[in-house]
Amino acid sequence: MRQGVTFAGSSNPVIEAVTALLERRGYRVTRSFDLQSARNHHVEHCPCPHHGTEECTCQYVVLLAYPPVAAGVATGPRVFTVHTYGQMTQVALQHDETLDEDERFALVSVLIKAAMLLAPDQPVIENQAGIPIAMAR
């Protein structure tokens, strides 16, 4: 199940807040993909296939959050995707079978806390289909 939060605003402040909160919990966070960075190095003109604009202004970032090593055993990263178009940024925790409920709850709580720090005007919590299920306050 994909769980996420929608923020009002651009991606960089959201990524910085989520990264800082994850790092406080002991995760090591790496930005593994950045659409605009990749696009700027390889393509001069890029119309947006999703929004029909002349130039693609979307931002898509993949964050890998490596949990703290427990009892000498390292686990794979937790994957967050960040998609921004206009002034709306969606951050989603991607489905992971190895995630227990306590860790999943803690990671979604990080997203909600970041939303409350950055945009106190009611960020939306979404379910896996992107349907709003609650308002964070």
C-alpha atoms as a PDB file:
ATOM      1  CA  MET A   1       0.000   0.000   0.000  1.00  0.00           C
ATOM      2  CA  ARG A   2       1.345   3.407  -0.974  1.00  0.00           C
ATOM      3  CA  GLN A   3       0.807   5.993   1.727  1.00  0.00           C
ATOM      4  CA  GLY A   4       1.513   9.626   1.188  1.00  0.00           C
ATOM      5  CA  VAL A   5       0.986  13.250   1.989  1.00  0.00           C
ATOM      6  CA  THR A   6       0.347  16.149  -0.368  1.00  0.00           C
ATOM      7  CA  PHE A   7       2.084  19.424   0.443  1.00  0.00           C
ATOM      8  CA  ALA A   8       1.292  22.898  -0.848  1.00  0.00           C
ATOM      9  CA  GLY A   9       4.631  24.102  -2.195  1.00  0.00           C
ATOM     10  CA  SER A  10       7.713  23.140  -4.168  1.00  0.00           C
ATOM     11  CA  SER A  11       9.774  19.997  -3.643  1.00  0.00           C
ATOM     12  CA  ASN A  12      13.047  21.263  -2.158  1.00  0.00           C
ATOM     13  CA  PRO A  13      11.697  22.457   1.229  1.00  0.00           C
ATOM     14  CA  VAL A  14       9.623  19.270   1.485  1.00  0.00           C
ATOM     15  CA  ILE A  15      12.613  17.034   0.698  1.00  0.00           C
ATOM     16  CA  GLU A  16      14.783  18.930   3.192  1.00  0.00           C
ATOM     17  CA  ALA A  17      12.168  18.598   5.962  1.00  0.00           C
ATOM     18  CA  VAL A  18      11.493  14.904   5.337  1.00  0.00           C
ATOM     19  CA  THR A  19      15.222  14.161   5.129  1.00  0.00           C
ATOM     20  CA  ALA A  20      15.967  16.025   8.384  1.00  0.00           C
ATOM     21  CA  LEU A  21      13.168  14.226  10.243  1.00  0.00           C
ATOM     22  CA  LEU A  22      14.271  10.814   8.944  1.00  0.00           C
ATOM     23  CA  GLU A  23      17.881  11.518   9.886  1.00  0.00           C
ATOM     24  CA  ARG A  24      16.766  12.418  13.426  1.00  0.00           C
ATOM     25  CA  ARG A  25      15.299   8.897  13.615  1.00  0.00           C
ATOM     26  CA  GLY A  26      18.643   7.397  12.579  1.00  0.00           C
ATOM     27  CA  TYR A  27      17.967   6.836   8.861  1.00  0.00           C
ATOM     28  CA  ARG A  28      20.633   7.620   6.276  1.00  0.00           C
ATOM     29  CA  VAL A  29      18.885   9.345   3.355  1.00  0.00           C
ATOM     30  CA  THR A  30      20.144   9.404  -0.240  1.00  0.00           C
ATOM     31  CA  ARG A  31      18.588  11.154  -3.228  1.00  0.00           C
ATOM     32  CA  SER A  32      18.889   8.390  -5.837  1.00  0.00           C
ATOM     33  CA  PHE A  33      17.069  10.086  -8.728  1.00  0.00           C
ATOM     34  CA  ASP A  34      16.224  13.682  -9.609  1.00  0.00           C
ATOM     35  CA  LEU A  35      14.216  14.251 -12.807  1.00  0.00           C
ATOM     36  CA  GLN A  36      15.197  17.880 -13.365  1.00  0.00           C
ATOM     37  CA  SER A  37      18.867  17.177 -12.779  1.00  0.00           C
ATOM     38  CA  ALA A  38      18.791  14.250 -15.220  1.00  0.00           C
ATOM     39  CA  ARG A  39      16.761  16.225 -17.764  1.00  0.00           C
ATOM     40  CA  ASN A  40      19.089  19.240 -17.614  1.00  0.00           C
ATOM     41  CA  HIS A  41      22.121  17.071 -18.373  1.00  0.00           C
ATOM     42  CA  HIS A  42      20.596  15.200 -21.301  1.00  0.00           C
ATOM     43  CA  VAL A  43      17.743  17.119 -22.943  1.00  0.00           C
ATOM     44  CA  GLU A  44      17.455  20.773 -24.006  1.00  0.00           C
ATOM     45  CA  HIS A  45      13.758  20.895 -24.873  1.00  0.00           C
ATOM     46  CA  CYS A  46      11.330  18.603 -23.090  1.00  0.00           C
ATOM     47  CA  PRO A  47       7.550  19.026 -23.352  1.00  0.00           C
ATOM     48  CA  CYS A  48       5.629  17.522 -20.451  1.00  0.00           C
ATOM     49  CA  PRO A  49       3.865  14.314 -21.499  1.00  0.00           C
ATOM     50  CA  HIS A  50       1.568  14.432 -18.454  1.00  0.00           C
ATOM     51  CA  HIS A  51       0.492  18.060 -18.333  1.00  0.00           C
ATOM     52  CA  GLY A  52       0.910  19.180 -21.940  1.00  0.00           C
ATOM     53  CA  THR A  53       3.119  22.147 -21.145  1.00  0.00           C
ATOM     54  CA  GLU A  54       5.794  23.356 -23.550  1.00  0.00           C
ATOM     55  CA  GLU A  55       8.559  22.642 -21.010  1.00  0.00           C
ATOM     56  CA  CYS A  56       8.328  19.980 -18.347  1.00  0.00           C
ATOM     57  CA  THR A  57       8.351  21.680 -14.968  1.00  0.00           C
ATOM     58  CA  CYS A  58       7.529  18.531 -13.020  1.00  0.00           C
ATOM     59  CA  GLN A  59       9.951  17.307 -10.434  1.00  0.00           C
ATOM     60  CA  TYR A  60      10.292  13.650  -9.527  1.00  0.00           C
ATOM     61  CA  VAL A  61      12.751  12.559  -6.862  1.00  0.00           C
ATOM     62  CA  VAL A  62      13.399   9.169  -5.309  1.00  0.00           C
ATOM     63  CA  LEU A  63      14.686   9.147  -1.746  1.00  0.00           C
ATOM     64  CA  LEU A  64      16.240   6.018  -0.273  1.00  0.00           C
ATOM     65  CA  ALA A  65      16.090   5.945   3.527  1.00  0.00           C
ATOM     66  CA  TYR A  66      18.398   3.323   5.011  1.00  0.00           C
ATOM     67  CA  PRO A  67      17.296   2.252   8.499  1.00  0.00           C
ATOM     68  CA  PRO A  68      19.738   2.169  11.386  1.00  0.00           C
ATOM     69  CA  VAL A  69      21.630  -1.129  11.563  1.00  0.00           C
ATOM     70  CA  ALA A  70      20.036  -3.296  14.249  1.00  0.00           C
ATOM     71  CA  ALA A  71      21.990  -6.117  15.907  1.00  0.00           C
ATOM     72  CA  GLY A  72      24.603  -5.947  13.161  1.00  0.00           C
ATOM     73  CA  VAL A  73      22.046  -6.669  10.422  1.00  0.00           C
ATOM     74  CA  ALA A  74      21.550  -4.093   7.662  1.00  0.00           C
ATOM     75  CA  THR A  75      18.261  -3.982   5.760  1.00  0.00           C
ATOM     76  CA  GLY A  76      17.397  -2.483   2.407  1.00  0.00           C
ATOM     77  CA  PRO A  77      16.276   1.112   2.044  1.00  0.00           C
ATOM     78  CA  ARG A  78      12.776   2.437   2.539  1.00  0.00           C
ATOM     79  CA  VAL A  79      11.709   4.167  -0.682  1.00  0.00           C
ATOM     80  CA  PHE A  80       9.967   7.530  -0.844  1.00  0.00           C
ATOM     81  CA  THR A  81       8.891   9.164  -4.094  1.00  0.00           C
ATOM     82  CA  VAL A  82       8.407  12.909  -4.419  1.00  0.00           C
ATOM     83  CA  HIS A  83       6.371  14.306  -7.334  1.00  0.00           C
ATOM     84  CA  THR A  84       5.866  18.028  -7.814  1.00  0.00           C
ATOM     85  CA  TYR A  85       3.799  19.856 -10.399  1.00  0.00           C
ATOM     86  CA  GLY A  86       3.044  23.532 -10.007  1.00  0.00           C
ATOM     87  CA  GLN A  87       2.936  24.227  -6.296  1.00  0.00           C
ATOM     88  CA  MET A  88       1.771  20.785  -5.172  1.00  0.00           C
ATOM     89  CA  THR A  89       4.213  18.147  -3.941  1.00  0.00           C
ATOM     90  CA  GLN A  90       3.204  14.572  -3.199  1.00  0.00           C
ATOM     91  CA  VAL A  91       5.482  12.414  -1.060  1.00  0.00           C
ATOM     92  CA  ALA A  92       4.715   8.712  -0.884  1.00  0.00           C
ATOM     93  CA  LEU A  93       6.183   5.829   1.065  1.00  0.00           C
ATOM     94  CA  GLN A  94       6.353   2.970  -1.412  1.00  0.00           C
ATOM     95  CA  HIS A  95       5.029  -0.482  -0.565  1.00  0.00           C
ATOM     96  CA  ASP A  96       7.596  -2.761   1.067  1.00  0.00           C
ATOM     97  CA  GLU A  97       6.798  -6.289   2.289  1.00  0.00           C
ATOM     98  CA  THR A  98       9.688  -6.178   4.775  1.00  0.00           C
ATOM     99  CA  LEU A  99       8.289  -3.163   6.636  1.00  0.00           C
ATOM    100  CA  ASP A 100       6.553  -4.018   9.892  1.00  0.00           C
ATOM    101  CA  GLU A 101       3.535  -1.997  11.020  1.00  0.00           C
ATOM    102  CA  ASP A 102       5.453  -0.079  13.699  1.00  0.00           C
ATOM    103  CA  GLU A 103       8.077   1.138  11.229  1.00  0.00           C
ATOM    104  CA  ARG A 104       5.442   1.936   8.583  1.00  0.00           C
ATOM    105  CA  PHE A 105       3.523   3.990  11.144  1.00  0.00           C
ATOM    106  CA  ALA A 106       6.717   5.802  12.197  1.00  0.00           C
ATOM    107  CA  LEU A 107       7.631   6.623   8.580  1.00  0.00           C
ATOM    108  CA  VAL A 108       4.158   7.913   7.708  1.00  0.00           C
ATOM    109  CA  SER A 109       4.272   9.935  10.934  1.00  0.00           C
ATOM    110  CA  VAL A 110       7.455  11.579   9.634  1.00  0.00           C
ATOM    111  CA  LEU A 111       5.569  12.694   6.513  1.00  0.00           C
ATOM    112  CA  ILE A 112       2.706  14.069   8.569  1.00  0.00           C
ATOM    113  CA  LYS A 113       5.084  15.898  10.920  1.00  0.00           C
ATOM    114  CA  ALA A 114       6.920  17.423   7.928  1.00  0.00           C
ATOM    115  CA  ALA A 115       3.580  18.532   6.498  1.00  0.00           C
ATOM    116  CA  MET A 116       2.559  20.172   9.734  1.00  0.00           C
ATOM    117  CA  LEU A 117       5.906  21.961   9.994  1.00  0.00           C
ATOM    118  CA  LEU A 118       5.833  23.239   6.409  1.00  0.00           C
ATOM    119  CA  ALA A 119       2.187  23.745   5.556  1.00  0.00           C
ATOM    120  CA  PRO A 120      -0.095  24.047   8.533  1.00  0.00           C
ATOM    121  CA  ASP A 121      -3.001  24.648   6.173  1.00  0.00           C
ATOM    122  CA  GLN A 122      -4.223  21.044   6.273  1.00  0.00           C
ATOM    123  CA  PRO A 123      -2.073  18.718   4.158  1.00  0.00           C
ATOM    124  CA  VAL A 124      -3.965  15.719   2.824  1.00  0.00           C
ATOM    125  CA  ILE A 125      -3.137  12.116   3.719  1.00  0.00           C
ATOM    126  CA  GLU A 126      -3.853   9.757   0.788  1.00  0.00           C
ATOM    127  CA  ASN A 127      -4.385   6.029   0.417  1.00  0.00           C
ATOM    128  CA  GLN A 128      -2.731   3.842  -2.250  1.00  0.00           C
ATOM    129  CA  ALA A 129      -5.117   5.057  -4.965  1.00  0.00           C
ATOM    130  CA  GLY A 130      -4.370   8.694  -4.190  1.00  0.00           C
ATOM    131  CA  ILE A 131      -7.781   9.193  -2.593  1.00  0.00           C
ATOM    132  CA  PRO A 132      -7.788  11.594   0.367  1.00  0.00           C
ATOM    133  CA  ILE A 133      -8.586   9.729   3.591  1.00  0.00           C
ATOM    134  CA  ALA A 134      -7.880  12.288   6.322  1.00  0.00           C
ATOM    135  CA  MET A 135      -6.713  15.790   6.950  1.00  0.00           C
ATOM    136  CA  ALA A 136      -3.655  16.300   9.126  1.00  0.00           C
ATOM    137  CA  ARG A 137      -3.988  19.186  11.573  1.00  0.00           C
END
